[in-house]
Amino acid sequence: MTMLAVFRSRAQALDALSLLKGAGVPSQAVSTPKEAGIGCGVSVKFDCNFFPRVRPLLAGRRYSAFWGYLRICGGAFVRV
Protein backbone atom coordinates (compact mmCIF):
# COMPACT_ATOMS: atom_id res chain seq x y z
CA MET A 1 0.00 0.00 0.00
CA THR A 2 1.25 3.46 -0.88
CA MET A 3 1.83 6.27 1.60
CA LEU A 4 2.80 9.90 1.12
CA ALA A 5 4.75 12.20 3.38
CA VAL A 6 3.29 15.61 2.45
CA PHE A 7 5.30 18.84 2.50
CA ARG A 8 4.47 22.48 1.73
CA SER A 9 8.09 23.09 0.72
CA ARG A 10 9.74 21.55 -2.32
CA ALA A 11 13.20 21.97 -0.77
CA GLN A 12 12.21 20.15 2.42
CA ALA A 13 10.47 17.37 0.48
CA LEU A 14 13.60 16.80 -1.59
CA ASP A 15 15.73 16.84 1.56
CA ALA A 16 13.43 14.21 3.10
CA LEU A 17 13.62 12.15 -0.09
CA SER A 18 17.41 12.18 0.12
CA LEU A 19 17.25 11.22 3.80
CA LEU A 20 14.93 8.28 3.14
CA LYS A 21 16.89 6.99 0.17
CA GLY A 22 20.06 7.20 2.24
CA ALA A 23 18.33 5.07 4.89
CA GLY A 24 17.45 2.44 2.29
CA VAL A 25 13.78 3.37 1.87
CA PRO A 26 12.67 3.12 -1.77
CA SER A 27 10.90 6.44 -2.38
CA GLN A 28 10.19 9.11 -4.96
CA ALA A 29 8.99 12.72 -5.15
CA VAL A 30 5.46 13.21 -6.46
CA SER A 31 2.95 16.05 -6.69
CA THR A 32 0.68 16.25 -3.68
CA PRO A 33 -2.88 15.16 -4.53
CA LYS A 34 -5.55 17.84 -4.37
CA GLU A 35 -7.36 15.83 -1.65
CA ALA A 36 -4.72 17.04 0.80
CA GLY A 37 -6.00 20.60 0.31
CA ILE A 38 -2.63 22.29 0.78
CA GLY A 39 -2.14 23.77 -2.66
CA CYS A 40 0.84 22.85 -4.80
CA GLY A 41 2.86 20.83 -2.33
CA VAL A 42 5.34 18.07 -3.00
CA SER A 43 5.13 14.65 -1.39
CA VAL A 44 7.48 11.75 -0.88
CA LYS A 45 5.90 8.46 -1.93
CA PHE A 46 6.89 5.19 -0.23
CA ASP A 47 5.44 1.78 0.61
CA CYS A 48 3.55 1.57 3.91
CA ASN A 49 5.77 -1.33 5.02
CA PHE A 50 8.52 1.28 5.52
CA PHE A 51 6.35 3.59 7.67
CA PRO A 52 7.88 2.38 10.98
CA ARG A 53 11.28 3.44 9.63
CA VAL A 54 10.12 6.64 7.88
CA ARG A 55 8.23 8.18 10.79
CA PRO A 56 11.16 8.53 13.22
CA LEU A 57 13.53 9.62 10.44
CA LEU A 58 11.29 12.52 9.44
CA ALA A 59 10.40 13.38 13.04
CA GLY A 60 14.08 13.69 13.84
CA ARG A 61 14.51 16.44 11.24
CA ARG A 62 11.57 18.55 12.54
CA TYR A 63 10.65 19.85 9.09
CA SER A 64 8.71 23.11 9.42
CA ALA A 65 6.85 22.49 6.14
CA PHE A 66 5.82 18.91 6.93
CA TRP A 67 2.02 18.56 6.77
CA GLY A 68 1.51 14.89 7.58
CA TYR A 69 1.00 11.46 6.07
CA LEU A 70 -1.58 10.24 3.59
CA ARG A 71 -2.38 6.60 2.88
CA ILE A 72 -4.29 5.25 -0.10
CA CYS A 73 -7.37 3.46 1.21
CA GLY A 74 -10.03 2.20 -1.19
CA GLY A 75 -8.80 4.47 -3.99
CA ALA A 76 -8.91 7.59 -1.81
CA PHE A 77 -6.29 9.31 0.32
CA VAL A 78 -6.78 9.22 4.09
CA ARG A 79 -4.73 11.23 6.56
CA VAL A 80 -2.80 9.07 9.02
PDB file of N, CA and C in Angstrom:
ATOM      1  N   MET A   1       0.852  -1.176   0.000  1.00  0.00           N
ATOM      2  CA  MET A   1       0.000   0.000   0.000  1.00  0.00           C
ATOM      3  C   MET A   1       0.899   1.241   0.000  1.00  0.00           C
ATOM      4  N   THR A   2       0.476   2.235  -0.714  1.00  0.00           N
ATOM      5  CA  THR A   2       1.255   3.463  -0.877  1.00  0.00           C
ATOM      6  C   THR A   2       0.936   4.487   0.211  1.00  0.00           C
ATOM      7  N   MET A   3       1.983   5.162   0.666  1.00  0.00           N
ATOM      8  CA  MET A   3       1.829   6.274   1.598  1.00  0.00           C
ATOM      9  C   MET A   3       2.570   7.475   1.047  1.00  0.00           C
ATOM     10  N   LEU A   4       2.144   8.653   1.492  1.00  0.00           N
ATOM     11  CA  LEU A   4       2.800   9.896   1.119  1.00  0.00           C
ATOM     12  C   LEU A   4       3.156  10.680   2.371  1.00  0.00           C
ATOM     13  N   ALA A   5       4.362  11.216   2.379  1.00  0.00           N
ATOM     14  CA  ALA A   5       4.752  12.205   3.380  1.00  0.00           C
ATOM     15  C   ALA A   5       4.594  13.544   2.667  1.00  0.00           C
ATOM     16  N   VAL A   6       3.690  14.385   3.157  1.00  0.00           N
ATOM     17  CA  VAL A   6       3.295  15.607   2.454  1.00  0.00           C
ATOM     18  C   VAL A   6       4.017  16.826   3.029  1.00  0.00           C
ATOM     19  N   PHE A   7       4.564  17.624   2.119  1.00  0.00           N
ATOM     20  CA  PHE A   7       5.304  18.837   2.504  1.00  0.00           C
ATOM     21  C   PHE A   7       4.749  20.043   1.763  1.00  0.00           C
ATOM     22  N   ARG A   8       4.846  21.212   2.388  1.00  0.00           N
ATOM     23  CA  ARG A   8       4.474  22.476   1.735  1.00  0.00           C
ATOM     24  C   ARG A   8       5.680  23.103   1.036  1.00  0.00           C
ATOM     25  N   SER A   9       6.853  22.553   1.277  1.00  0.00           N
ATOM     26  CA  SER A   9       8.089  23.092   0.717  1.00  0.00           C
ATOM     27  C   SER A   9       8.767  22.056  -0.172  1.00  0.00           C
ATOM     28  N   ARG A  10       9.050  22.447  -1.397  1.00  0.00           N
ATOM     29  CA  ARG A  10       9.739  21.548  -2.325  1.00  0.00           C
ATOM     30  C   ARG A  10      11.133  21.203  -1.800  1.00  0.00           C
ATOM     31  N   ALA A  11      11.849  22.193  -1.271  1.00  0.00           N
ATOM     32  CA  ALA A  11      13.204  21.966  -0.766  1.00  0.00           C
ATOM     33  C   ALA A  11      13.206  20.950   0.380  1.00  0.00           C
ATOM     34  N   GLN A  12      12.256  21.080   1.301  1.00  0.00           N
ATOM     35  CA  GLN A  12      12.208  20.151   2.421  1.00  0.00           C
ATOM     36  C   GLN A  12      11.774  18.757   1.972  1.00  0.00           C
ATOM     37  N   ALA A  13      10.879  18.676   1.010  1.00  0.00           N
ATOM     38  CA  ALA A  13      10.466  17.374   0.480  1.00  0.00           C
ATOM     39  C   ALA A  13      11.651  16.666  -0.170  1.00  0.00           C
ATOM     40  N   LEU A  14      12.442  17.403  -0.930  1.00  0.00           N
ATOM     41  CA  LEU A  14      13.598  16.799  -1.592  1.00  0.00           C
ATOM     42  C   LEU A  14      14.674  16.416  -0.580  1.00  0.00           C
ATOM     43  N   ASP A  15      14.808  17.196   0.491  1.00  0.00           N
ATOM     44  CA  ASP A  15      15.734  16.836   1.558  1.00  0.00           C
ATOM     45  C   ASP A  15      15.273  15.536   2.230  1.00  0.00           C
ATOM     46  N   ALA A  16      13.978  15.426   2.486  1.00  0.00           N
ATOM     47  CA  ALA A  16      13.427  14.214   3.096  1.00  0.00           C
ATOM     48  C   ALA A  16      13.611  13.016   2.167  1.00  0.00           C
ATOM     49  N   LEU A  17      13.417  13.226   0.888  1.00  0.00           N
ATOM     50  CA  LEU A  17      13.617  12.154  -0.089  1.00  0.00           C
ATOM     51  C   LEU A  17      15.054  11.643  -0.025  1.00  0.00           C
ATOM     52  N   SER A  18      16.006  12.547   0.019  1.00  0.00           N
ATOM     53  CA  SER A  18      17.413  12.177   0.115  1.00  0.00           C
ATOM     54  C   SER A  18      17.685  11.415   1.415  1.00  0.00           C
ATOM     55  N   LEU A  19      17.098  11.867   2.507  1.00  0.00           N
ATOM     56  CA  LEU A  19      17.250  11.216   3.800  1.00  0.00           C
ATOM     57  C   LEU A  19      16.729   9.775   3.743  1.00  0.00           C
ATOM     58  N   LEU A  20      15.533   9.605   3.195  1.00  0.00           N
ATOM     59  CA  LEU A  20      14.928   8.277   3.135  1.00  0.00           C
ATOM     60  C   LEU A  20      15.711   7.334   2.227  1.00  0.00           C
ATOM     61  N   LYS A  21      16.110   7.829   1.069  1.00  0.00           N
ATOM     62  CA  LYS A  21      16.890   6.991   0.166  1.00  0.00           C
ATOM     63  C   LYS A  21      18.207   6.584   0.815  1.00  0.00           C
ATOM     64  N   GLY A  22      18.826   7.501   1.540  1.00  0.00           N
ATOM     65  CA  GLY A  22      20.062   7.200   2.245  1.00  0.00           C
ATOM     66  C   GLY A  22      19.876   6.159   3.334  1.00  0.00           C
ATOM     67  N   ALA A  23      18.650   6.055   3.857  1.00  0.00           N
ATOM     68  CA  ALA A  23      18.334   5.071   4.889  1.00  0.00           C
ATOM     69  C   ALA A  23      17.820   3.761   4.282  1.00  0.00           C
ATOM     70  N   GLY A  24      17.864   3.666   2.954  1.00  0.00           N
ATOM     71  CA  GLY A  24      17.447   2.436   2.287  1.00  0.00           C
ATOM     72  C   GLY A  24      15.961   2.298   2.050  1.00  0.00           C
ATOM     73  N   VAL A  25      15.224   3.401   2.112  1.00  0.00           N
ATOM     74  CA  VAL A  25      13.781   3.373   1.874  1.00  0.00           C
ATOM     75  C   VAL A  25      13.520   3.728   0.411  1.00  0.00           C
ATOM     76  N   PRO A  26      12.996   2.789  -0.387  1.00  0.00           N
ATOM     77  CA  PRO A  26      12.666   3.118  -1.773  1.00  0.00           C
ATOM     78  C   PRO A  26      11.568   4.191  -1.780  1.00  0.00           C
ATOM     79  N   SER A  27      11.842   5.316  -2.404  1.00  0.00           N
ATOM     80  CA  SER A  27      10.897   6.437  -2.377  1.00  0.00           C
ATOM     81  C   SER A  27      11.101   7.322  -3.593  1.00  0.00           C
ATOM     82  N   GLN A  28      10.100   8.168  -3.846  1.00  0.00           N
ATOM     83  CA  GLN A  28      10.195   9.115  -4.957  1.00  0.00           C
ATOM     84  C   GLN A  28       9.368  10.352  -4.660  1.00  0.00           C
ATOM     85  N   ALA A  29       9.733  11.461  -5.294  1.00  0.00           N
ATOM     86  CA  ALA A  29       8.992  12.716  -5.150  1.00  0.00           C
ATOM     87  C   ALA A  29       7.821  12.711  -6.129  1.00  0.00           C
ATOM     88  N   VAL A  30       6.663  13.130  -5.636  1.00  0.00           N
ATOM     89  CA  VAL A  30       5.457  13.208  -6.458  1.00  0.00           C
ATOM     90  C   VAL A  30       4.695  14.487  -6.104  1.00  0.00           C
ATOM     91  N   SER A  31       3.825  14.915  -6.993  1.00  0.00           N
ATOM     92  CA  SER A  31       2.955  16.053  -6.692  1.00  0.00           C
ATOM     93  C   SER A  31       1.938  15.640  -5.637  1.00  0.00           C
ATOM     94  N   THR A  32       1.667  16.533  -4.718  1.00  0.00           N
ATOM     95  CA  THR A  32       0.680  16.250  -3.676  1.00  0.00           C
ATOM     96  C   THR A  32      -0.714  16.238  -4.288  1.00  0.00           C
ATOM     97  N   PRO A  33      -1.515  15.217  -3.980  1.00  0.00           N
ATOM     98  CA  PRO A  33      -2.875  15.158  -4.528  1.00  0.00           C
ATOM     99  C   PRO A  33      -3.746  16.288  -3.980  1.00  0.00           C
ATOM    100  N   LYS A  34      -4.691  16.720  -4.777  1.00  0.00           N
ATOM    101  CA  LYS A  34      -5.553  17.838  -4.370  1.00  0.00           C
ATOM    102  C   LYS A  34      -6.374  17.514  -3.130  1.00  0.00           C
ATOM    103  N   GLU A  35      -6.598  16.221  -2.835  1.00  0.00           N
ATOM    104  CA  GLU A  35      -7.356  15.827  -1.650  1.00  0.00           C
ATOM    105  C   GLU A  35      -6.703  16.307  -0.352  1.00  0.00           C
ATOM    106  N   ALA A  36      -5.408  16.555  -0.399  1.00  0.00           N
ATOM    107  CA  ALA A  36      -4.721  17.041   0.800  1.00  0.00           C
ATOM    108  C   ALA A  36      -5.132  18.470   1.121  1.00  0.00           C
ATOM    109  N   GLY A  37      -5.534  19.231   0.112  1.00  0.00           N
ATOM    110  CA  GLY A  37      -6.004  20.595   0.312  1.00  0.00           C
ATOM    111  C   GLY A  37      -4.938  21.571   0.777  1.00  0.00           C
ATOM    112  N   ILE A  38      -3.689  21.367   0.355  1.00  0.00           N
ATOM    113  CA  ILE A  38      -2.631  22.291   0.777  1.00  0.00           C
ATOM    114  C   ILE A  38      -2.018  23.048  -0.390  1.00  0.00           C
ATOM    115  N   GLY A  39      -2.672  23.045  -1.514  1.00  0.00           N
ATOM    116  CA  GLY A  39      -2.136  23.774  -2.663  1.00  0.00           C
ATOM    117  C   GLY A  39      -1.165  22.929  -3.451  1.00  0.00           C
ATOM    118  N   CYS A  40      -0.095  23.542  -3.907  1.00  0.00           N
ATOM    119  CA  CYS A  40       0.838  22.845  -4.802  1.00  0.00           C
ATOM    120  C   CYS A  40       2.035  22.299  -4.037  1.00  0.00           C
ATOM    121  N   GLY A  41       1.782  21.420  -3.106  1.00  0.00           N
ATOM    122  CA  GLY A  41       2.861  20.830  -2.330  1.00  0.00           C
ATOM    123  C   GLY A  41       3.545  19.691  -3.067  1.00  0.00           C
ATOM    124  N   VAL A  42       4.601  19.209  -2.475  1.00  0.00           N
ATOM    125  CA  VAL A  42       5.337  18.070  -2.999  1.00  0.00           C
ATOM    126  C   VAL A  42       5.336  16.997  -1.919  1.00  0.00           C
ATOM    127  N   SER A  43       5.166  15.757  -2.333  1.00  0.00           N
ATOM    128  CA  SER A  43       5.130  14.654  -1.391  1.00  0.00           C
ATOM    129  C   SER A  43       6.224  13.650  -1.702  1.00  0.00           C
ATOM    130  N   VAL A  44       6.543  12.859  -0.705  1.00  0.00           N
ATOM    131  CA  VAL A  44       7.475  11.753  -0.878  1.00  0.00           C
ATOM    132  C   VAL A  44       6.656  10.469  -0.773  1.00  0.00           C
ATOM    133  N   LYS A  45       6.681   9.689  -1.842  1.00  0.00           N
ATOM    134  CA  LYS A  45       5.902   8.457  -1.934  1.00  0.00           C
ATOM    135  C   LYS A  45       6.769   7.280  -1.503  1.00  0.00           C
ATOM    136  N   PHE A  46       6.183   6.389  -0.676  1.00  0.00           N
ATOM    137  CA  PHE A  46       6.892   5.191  -0.227  1.00  0.00           C
ATOM    138  C   PHE A  46       5.869   4.121   0.128  1.00  0.00           C
ATOM    139  N   ASP A  47       6.321   2.886   0.259  1.00  0.00           N
ATOM    140  CA  ASP A  47       5.445   1.778   0.609  1.00  0.00           C
ATOM    141  C   ASP A  47       5.174   1.802   2.115  1.00  0.00           C
ATOM    142  N   CYS A  48       3.938   1.497   2.500  1.00  0.00           N
ATOM    143  CA  CYS A  48       3.547   1.574   3.913  1.00  0.00           C
ATOM    144  C   CYS A  48       4.355   0.621   4.794  1.00  0.00           C
ATOM    145  N   ASN A  49       4.937  -0.414   4.227  1.00  0.00           N
ATOM    146  CA  ASN A  49       5.768  -1.326   5.024  1.00  0.00           C
ATOM    147  C   ASN A  49       6.976  -0.615   5.626  1.00  0.00           C
ATOM    148  N   PHE A  50       7.369   0.519   5.029  1.00  0.00           N
ATOM    149  CA  PHE A  50       8.516   1.282   5.523  1.00  0.00           C
ATOM    150  C   PHE A  50       8.112   2.371   6.516  1.00  0.00           C
ATOM    151  N   PHE A  51       6.812   2.524   6.782  1.00  0.00           N
ATOM    152  CA  PHE A  51       6.349   3.592   7.670  1.00  0.00           C
ATOM    153  C   PHE A  51       7.018   3.565   9.050  1.00  0.00           C
ATOM    154  N   PRO A  52       7.202   2.381   9.681  1.00  0.00           N
ATOM    155  CA  PRO A  52       7.878   2.381  10.982  1.00  0.00           C
ATOM    156  C   PRO A  52       9.308   2.930  10.923  1.00  0.00           C
ATOM    157  N   ARG A  53       9.932   2.877   9.778  1.00  0.00           N
ATOM    158  CA  ARG A  53      11.280   3.437   9.629  1.00  0.00           C
ATOM    159  C   ARG A  53      11.216   4.908   9.230  1.00  0.00           C
ATOM    160  N   VAL A  54      10.242   5.275   8.386  1.00  0.00           N
ATOM    161  CA  VAL A  54      10.121   6.644   7.880  1.00  0.00           C
ATOM    162  C   VAL A  54       9.739   7.619   8.983  1.00  0.00           C
ATOM    163  N   ARG A  55       8.770   7.254   9.783  1.00  0.00           N
ATOM    164  CA  ARG A  55       8.232   8.184  10.786  1.00  0.00           C
ATOM    165  C   ARG A  55       9.306   8.763  11.715  1.00  0.00           C
ATOM    166  N   PRO A  56      10.144   7.933  12.345  1.00  0.00           N
ATOM    167  CA  PRO A  56      11.165   8.528  13.221  1.00  0.00           C
ATOM    168  C   PRO A  56      12.242   9.305  12.460  1.00  0.00           C
ATOM    169  N   LEU A  57      12.539   8.893  11.233  1.00  0.00           N
ATOM    170  CA  LEU A  57      13.531   9.623  10.443  1.00  0.00           C
ATOM    171  C   LEU A  57      13.066  11.049  10.179  1.00  0.00           C
ATOM    172  N   LEU A  58      11.818  11.183   9.738  1.00  0.00           N
ATOM    173  CA  LEU A  58      11.295  12.521   9.436  1.00  0.00           C
ATOM    174  C   LEU A  58      11.063  13.334  10.707  1.00  0.00           C
ATOM    175  N   ALA A  59      10.619  12.676  11.764  1.00  0.00           N
ATOM    176  CA  ALA A  59      10.396  13.381  13.035  1.00  0.00           C
ATOM    177  C   ALA A  59      11.704  13.947  13.580  1.00  0.00           C
ATOM    178  N   GLY A  60      12.785  13.242  13.355  1.00  0.00           N
ATOM    179  CA  GLY A  60      14.079  13.691  13.841  1.00  0.00           C
ATOM    180  C   GLY A  60      14.576  14.962  13.168  1.00  0.00           C
ATOM    181  N   ARG A  61      14.088  15.234  11.969  1.00  0.00           N
ATOM    182  CA  ARG A  61      14.508  16.442  11.244  1.00  0.00           C
ATOM    183  C   ARG A  61      13.644  17.655  11.581  1.00  0.00           C
ATOM    184  N   ARG A  62      12.481  17.452  12.155  1.00  0.00           N
ATOM    185  CA  ARG A  62      11.573  18.553  12.544  1.00  0.00           C
ATOM    186  C   ARG A  62      11.339  19.537  11.396  1.00  0.00           C
ATOM    187  N   TYR A  63      10.914  19.017  10.271  1.00  0.00           N
ATOM    188  CA  TYR A  63      10.646  19.851   9.092  1.00  0.00           C
ATOM    189  C   TYR A  63       9.500  20.824   9.375  1.00  0.00           C
ATOM    190  N   SER A  64       9.738  22.090   9.163  1.00  0.00           N
ATOM    191  CA  SER A  64       8.706  23.106   9.416  1.00  0.00           C
ATOM    192  C   SER A  64       7.584  23.061   8.385  1.00  0.00           C
ATOM    193  N   ALA A  65       7.854  22.534   7.210  1.00  0.00           N
ATOM    194  CA  ALA A  65       6.850  22.490   6.144  1.00  0.00           C
ATOM    195  C   ALA A  65       6.191  21.119   6.025  1.00  0.00           C
ATOM    196  N   PHE A  66       6.435  20.240   6.978  1.00  0.00           N
ATOM    197  CA  PHE A  66       5.817  18.913   6.934  1.00  0.00           C
ATOM    198  C   PHE A  66       4.357  19.028   7.333  1.00  0.00           C
ATOM    199  N   TRP A  67       3.464  18.478   6.531  1.00  0.00           N
ATOM    200  CA  TRP A  67       2.022  18.562   6.768  1.00  0.00           C
ATOM    201  C   TRP A  67       1.487  17.306   7.435  1.00  0.00           C
ATOM    202  N   GLY A  68       1.991  16.150   7.022  1.00  0.00           N
ATOM    203  CA  GLY A  68       1.507  14.889   7.583  1.00  0.00           C
ATOM    204  C   GLY A  68       1.602  13.761   6.571  1.00  0.00           C
ATOM    205  N   TYR A  69       0.964  12.655   6.917  1.00  0.00           N
ATOM    206  CA  TYR A  69       1.000  11.461   6.070  1.00  0.00           C
ATOM    207  C   TYR A  69      -0.372  11.176   5.481  1.00  0.00           C
ATOM    208  N   LEU A  70      -0.365  10.707   4.249  1.00  0.00           N
ATOM    209  CA  LEU A  70      -1.577  10.240   3.592  1.00  0.00           C
ATOM    210  C   LEU A  70      -1.356   8.788   3.192  1.00  0.00           C
ATOM    211  N   ARG A  71      -2.427   7.996   3.289  1.00  0.00           N
ATOM    212  CA  ARG A  71      -2.383   6.598   2.880  1.00  0.00           C
ATOM    213  C   ARG A  71      -3.503   6.372   1.879  1.00  0.00           C
ATOM    214  N   ILE A  72      -3.247   5.581   0.863  1.00  0.00           N
ATOM    215  CA  ILE A  72      -4.290   5.254  -0.102  1.00  0.00           C
ATOM    216  C   ILE A  72      -5.147   4.149   0.494  1.00  0.00           C
ATOM    217  N   CYS A  73      -6.436   4.426   0.621  1.00  0.00           N
ATOM    218  CA  CYS A  73      -7.372   3.460   1.208  1.00  0.00           C
ATOM    219  C   CYS A  73      -8.632   3.429   0.344  1.00  0.00           C
ATOM    220  N   GLY A  74      -8.854   2.330  -0.338  1.00  0.00           N
ATOM    221  CA  GLY A  74     -10.034   2.204  -1.194  1.00  0.00           C
ATOM    222  C   GLY A  74     -10.060   3.193  -2.333  1.00  0.00           C
ATOM    223  N   GLY A  75      -8.890   3.532  -2.863  1.00  0.00           N
ATOM    224  CA  GLY A  75      -8.803   4.465  -3.988  1.00  0.00           C
ATOM    225  C   GLY A  75      -8.804   5.925  -3.585  1.00  0.00           C
ATOM    226  N   ALA A  76      -8.921   6.213  -2.296  1.00  0.00           N
ATOM    227  CA  ALA A  76      -8.915   7.586  -1.811  1.00  0.00           C
ATOM    228  C   ALA A  76      -7.768   7.781  -0.819  1.00  0.00           C
ATOM    229  N   PHE A  77      -7.347   9.014  -0.656  1.00  0.00           N
ATOM    230  CA  PHE A  77      -6.290   9.308   0.315  1.00  0.00           C
ATOM    231  C   PHE A  77      -6.898   9.626   1.676  1.00  0.00           C
ATOM    232  N   VAL A  78      -6.322   9.025   2.711  1.00  0.00           N
ATOM    233  CA  VAL A  78      -6.779   9.221   4.085  1.00  0.00           C
ATOM    234  C   VAL A  78      -5.601   9.706   4.906  1.00  0.00           C
ATOM    235  N   ARG A  79      -5.820  10.723   5.721  1.00  0.00           N
ATOM    236  CA  ARG A  79      -4.726  11.233   6.562  1.00  0.00           C
ATOM    237  C   ARG A  79      -4.476  10.265   7.708  1.00  0.00           C
ATOM    238  N   VAL A  80      -3.196  10.006   7.953  1.00  0.00           N
ATOM    239  CA  VAL A  80      -2.800   9.074   9.021  1.00  0.00           C
ATOM    240  C   VAL A  80      -2.427   9.870  10.253  1.00  0.00           C
TER     241      VAL A  80
END
